[in-house]
Amino acid sequence: MQIQLNGESREIEAPTLALLVAELGLETRTIAIEYNLEVAPKSGWGQCQIHTGDRIEVVQMIGGG
């Protein structure tokens, strides 16, 4: 399905946010997800269904000193 991922059109297979994270090969400890302009709680990623046209922003946290 076609979605907007971080501002760019992208074709994905994943039906949920949790599976999208796996499809993208991301580490769950270091990311936050905004789903259609709302922050998606990590505990709900497995139940959050993705639909064609959804807008998803993935933000990766980077530690440093």
N, C-alpha and C. Protein backbone atom coordinates (compact mmCIF):
# COMPACT_ATOMS: atom_id res chain seq x y z
N MET A 1 0.84 -1.19 0.00
CA MET A 1 0.00 0.00 0.00
C MET A 1 0.88 1.24 0.00
N GLN A 2 0.33 2.33 -0.44
CA GLN A 2 1.06 3.59 -0.56
C GLN A 2 0.75 4.46 0.66
N ILE A 3 1.81 4.93 1.35
CA ILE A 3 1.67 5.83 2.49
C ILE A 3 2.65 6.98 2.33
N GLN A 4 2.53 7.96 3.22
CA GLN A 4 3.53 9.03 3.33
C GLN A 4 4.39 8.68 4.55
N LEU A 5 5.67 8.42 4.33
CA LEU A 5 6.58 8.07 5.41
C LEU A 5 7.67 9.14 5.47
N ASN A 6 7.68 9.85 6.59
CA ASN A 6 8.64 10.95 6.78
C ASN A 6 8.61 11.92 5.60
N GLY A 7 7.39 12.23 5.15
CA GLY A 7 7.21 13.24 4.11
C GLY A 7 7.39 12.75 2.68
N GLU A 8 7.67 11.46 2.50
CA GLU A 8 7.88 10.93 1.16
C GLU A 8 6.91 9.78 0.89
N SER A 9 6.44 9.71 -0.34
CA SER A 9 5.56 8.62 -0.73
C SER A 9 6.35 7.32 -0.73
N ARG A 10 5.74 6.27 -0.14
CA ARG A 10 6.46 4.99 -0.04
C ARG A 10 5.47 3.84 -0.11
N GLU A 11 5.88 2.79 -0.79
CA GLU A 11 5.09 1.56 -0.89
C GLU A 11 5.56 0.62 0.22
N ILE A 12 4.60 0.13 1.02
CA ILE A 12 4.95 -0.80 2.11
C ILE A 12 4.04 -2.02 2.05
N GLU A 13 4.43 -3.06 2.78
CA GLU A 13 3.64 -4.28 2.91
C GLU A 13 2.98 -4.39 4.28
N ALA A 14 3.59 -3.78 5.29
CA ALA A 14 3.18 -3.95 6.68
C ALA A 14 1.76 -3.45 6.96
N PRO A 15 0.92 -4.27 7.61
CA PRO A 15 -0.44 -3.85 7.94
C PRO A 15 -0.57 -3.10 9.27
N THR A 16 0.47 -3.15 10.12
CA THR A 16 0.43 -2.46 11.42
C THR A 16 1.72 -1.69 11.63
N LEU A 17 1.70 -0.77 12.60
CA LEU A 17 2.91 -0.01 12.91
C LEU A 17 4.03 -0.92 13.39
N ALA A 18 3.71 -1.92 14.21
CA ALA A 18 4.75 -2.83 14.70
C ALA A 18 5.43 -3.55 13.55
N LEU A 19 4.65 -4.00 12.59
CA LEU A 19 5.23 -4.70 11.45
C LEU A 19 5.97 -3.74 10.51
N LEU A 20 5.54 -2.48 10.47
CA LEU A 20 6.27 -1.48 9.69
C LEU A 20 7.65 -1.26 10.28
N VAL A 21 7.75 -1.18 11.59
CA VAL A 21 9.04 -1.02 12.26
C VAL A 21 9.95 -2.19 11.88
N ALA A 22 9.41 -3.40 11.90
CA ALA A 22 10.20 -4.57 11.51
C ALA A 22 10.58 -4.51 10.04
N GLU A 23 9.64 -4.12 9.18
CA GLU A 23 9.92 -4.02 7.74
C GLU A 23 11.04 -3.03 7.46
N LEU A 24 11.07 -1.95 8.22
CA LEU A 24 12.10 -0.92 8.04
C LEU A 24 13.41 -1.28 8.73
N GLY A 25 13.40 -2.33 9.55
CA GLY A 25 14.60 -2.77 10.25
C GLY A 25 15.04 -1.83 11.34
N LEU A 26 14.08 -1.21 12.02
CA LEU A 26 14.39 -0.22 13.05
C LEU A 26 14.40 -0.85 14.44
N GLU A 27 15.19 -0.28 15.33
CA GLU A 27 15.26 -0.70 16.73
C GLU A 27 14.17 0.01 17.51
N THR A 28 13.26 -0.75 18.12
CA THR A 28 12.10 -0.16 18.79
C THR A 28 12.46 0.71 19.98
N ARG A 29 13.60 0.46 20.62
CA ARG A 29 13.97 1.24 21.80
C ARG A 29 14.30 2.68 21.48
N THR A 30 14.66 2.96 20.24
CA THR A 30 15.19 4.29 19.93
C THR A 30 14.31 5.12 19.00
N ILE A 31 13.04 4.73 18.82
CA ILE A 31 12.19 5.48 17.90
C ILE A 31 10.87 5.88 18.55
N ALA A 32 10.27 6.90 17.97
CA ALA A 32 8.91 7.32 18.29
C ALA A 32 8.18 7.44 16.95
N ILE A 33 6.87 7.20 16.98
CA ILE A 33 6.08 7.24 15.75
C ILE A 33 4.91 8.20 15.90
N GLU A 34 4.77 9.06 14.89
CA GLU A 34 3.59 9.92 14.77
C GLU A 34 2.75 9.33 13.66
N TYR A 35 1.49 9.04 13.98
CA TYR A 35 0.57 8.40 13.04
C TYR A 35 -0.59 9.34 12.78
N ASN A 36 -0.66 9.86 11.56
CA ASN A 36 -1.71 10.82 11.18
C ASN A 36 -1.82 11.97 12.19
N LEU A 37 -0.68 12.57 12.47
CA LEU A 37 -0.54 13.77 13.31
C LEU A 37 -0.74 13.53 14.80
N GLU A 38 -0.75 12.26 15.24
CA GLU A 38 -0.85 11.96 16.67
C GLU A 38 0.26 10.99 17.05
N VAL A 39 0.85 11.20 18.23
CA VAL A 39 1.89 10.29 18.70
C VAL A 39 1.24 8.94 19.00
N ALA A 40 1.81 7.89 18.45
CA ALA A 40 1.28 6.54 18.66
C ALA A 40 2.03 5.90 19.82
N PRO A 41 1.31 5.51 20.89
CA PRO A 41 1.98 4.87 22.01
C PRO A 41 2.58 3.53 21.58
N LYS A 42 3.78 3.28 22.01
CA LYS A 42 4.48 2.05 21.64
C LYS A 42 3.66 0.81 21.99
N SER A 43 2.93 0.86 23.07
CA SER A 43 2.12 -0.30 23.48
C SER A 43 1.00 -0.62 22.50
N GLY A 44 0.64 0.32 21.63
CA GLY A 44 -0.44 0.11 20.67
C GLY A 44 0.01 -0.14 19.24
N TRP A 45 1.31 -0.20 18.99
CA TRP A 45 1.80 -0.36 17.62
C TRP A 45 1.28 -1.64 16.96
N GLY A 46 1.13 -2.71 17.73
CA GLY A 46 0.67 -3.98 17.16
C GLY A 46 -0.78 -3.95 16.73
N GLN A 47 -1.58 -3.08 17.32
CA GLN A 47 -3.00 -2.99 17.00
C GLN A 47 -3.32 -1.85 16.03
N CYS A 48 -2.38 -0.96 15.80
CA CYS A 48 -2.62 0.22 14.96
C CYS A 48 -2.51 -0.16 13.48
N GLN A 49 -3.65 -0.25 12.82
CA GLN A 49 -3.72 -0.63 11.41
C GLN A 49 -3.28 0.52 10.52
N ILE A 50 -2.49 0.20 9.50
CA ILE A 50 -2.06 1.19 8.51
C ILE A 50 -2.96 1.08 7.29
N HIS A 51 -3.35 2.23 6.76
CA HIS A 51 -4.23 2.28 5.59
C HIS A 51 -3.57 3.13 4.50
N THR A 52 -3.94 2.86 3.27
CA THR A 52 -3.43 3.64 2.14
C THR A 52 -3.66 5.13 2.40
N GLY A 53 -2.62 5.92 2.18
CA GLY A 53 -2.72 7.37 2.35
C GLY A 53 -2.35 7.87 3.73
N ASP A 54 -2.14 6.95 4.70
CA ASP A 54 -1.76 7.39 6.05
C ASP A 54 -0.44 8.15 6.01
N ARG A 55 -0.31 9.08 6.98
CA ARG A 55 0.92 9.87 7.13
C ARG A 55 1.62 9.40 8.40
N ILE A 56 2.82 8.89 8.23
CA ILE A 56 3.58 8.35 9.35
C ILE A 56 4.94 9.02 9.39
N GLU A 57 5.29 9.48 10.58
CA GLU A 57 6.62 10.06 10.79
C GLU A 57 7.33 9.19 11.83
N VAL A 58 8.53 8.75 11.50
CA VAL A 58 9.34 7.97 12.43
C VAL A 58 10.52 8.83 12.83
N VAL A 59 10.67 9.01 14.14
CA VAL A 59 11.76 9.83 14.66
C VAL A 59 12.68 8.93 15.45
N GLN A 60 13.97 8.97 15.12
CA GLN A 60 14.95 8.15 15.82
C GLN A 60 15.71 8.99 16.82
N MET A 61 15.76 8.50 18.06
CA MET A 61 16.47 9.20 19.11
C MET A 61 17.97 8.87 19.01
N ILE A 62 18.78 9.89 19.19
CA ILE A 62 20.22 9.70 19.13
C ILE A 62 20.81 10.27 20.42
N GLY A 63 21.51 9.41 21.15
CA GLY A 63 22.13 9.84 22.40
C GLY A 63 23.49 10.46 22.12
N GLY A 64 23.92 11.22 23.05
CA GLY A 64 25.24 11.84 22.91
C GLY A 64 25.59 12.63 24.14
N GLY A 65 26.69 13.21 24.11
CA GLY A 65 27.09 13.95 25.29
C GLY A 65 27.86 15.18 24.94
